Amino acid sequence: MTEGFLPRREGGVLATFSGFEADLLRSLASQLVELLRNEVAAPTASTDPLEDLLDFSGPTTEPDDPVLARLFPTAYPDDEEAAGEFRRFTEGSLRDGKARNAVLIIDTLEESGLPPELEEDGLWIDVELSVAEAHAWMRSFTDIRLALATRLGIEEGDESYWDMLPEEDPRTHVHDIYEWVGYLQETLVQSLS
């Protein structure tokens, strides 16, 4: 397993991933991008020329997918109309930003030597990130962990439940990935401090 991220003298951070780890990160980021771009609510018709010019045609209802609902929580739970308006003006750009961060992970790994199809054992990938890139990776790690936690049903304080799951339970491996991404995120934060 990788040591996580380390600070660079020149600024930014560095990490070395095995081919398997890099491919896993690429897969997680790709799945996030696919989720962000596949479920889009239908835009509402506008009568305001300024809105038409600025394209505030985002969704007005909470996403159906529980992961997206967690990534884009309702801003005004007690006011459906205000929540819809807020979502319409913000969710599109928020989705785009989250997708850009995840695409940066994919692009960086591939630019660092990860082949389109991983077939080689013993491959190691050195990833160097500027401070701005590291912040984008950190935000994407948060999104990936929220997605995994939502799919698994992880709740605060339920660590003993996950520790007691048998090794053959497939959720154990996904939980291990959730923990690993958290470890990477923690080393990234520490390397930027």
Foldseek 3Di string as FASTA:
>chain_A
DWPAWAADPVAFIKTKDFLVVLVVLLVLLVVLLCVLPPDFAFFDDDPDVVCVVVVLRGFQDQTPDQLSCQVPPQPCPPDSNVSSSVRSRPVVVVSVLLNVLSVLSNVQQVVQPNDPDDDDGPHMGMGTDHPVNLVSPLVNLVSSLSNLCRVLVDDPPCVVVLVPDDPPPPNVVSVVVSVVSVVNSVVSVVNND
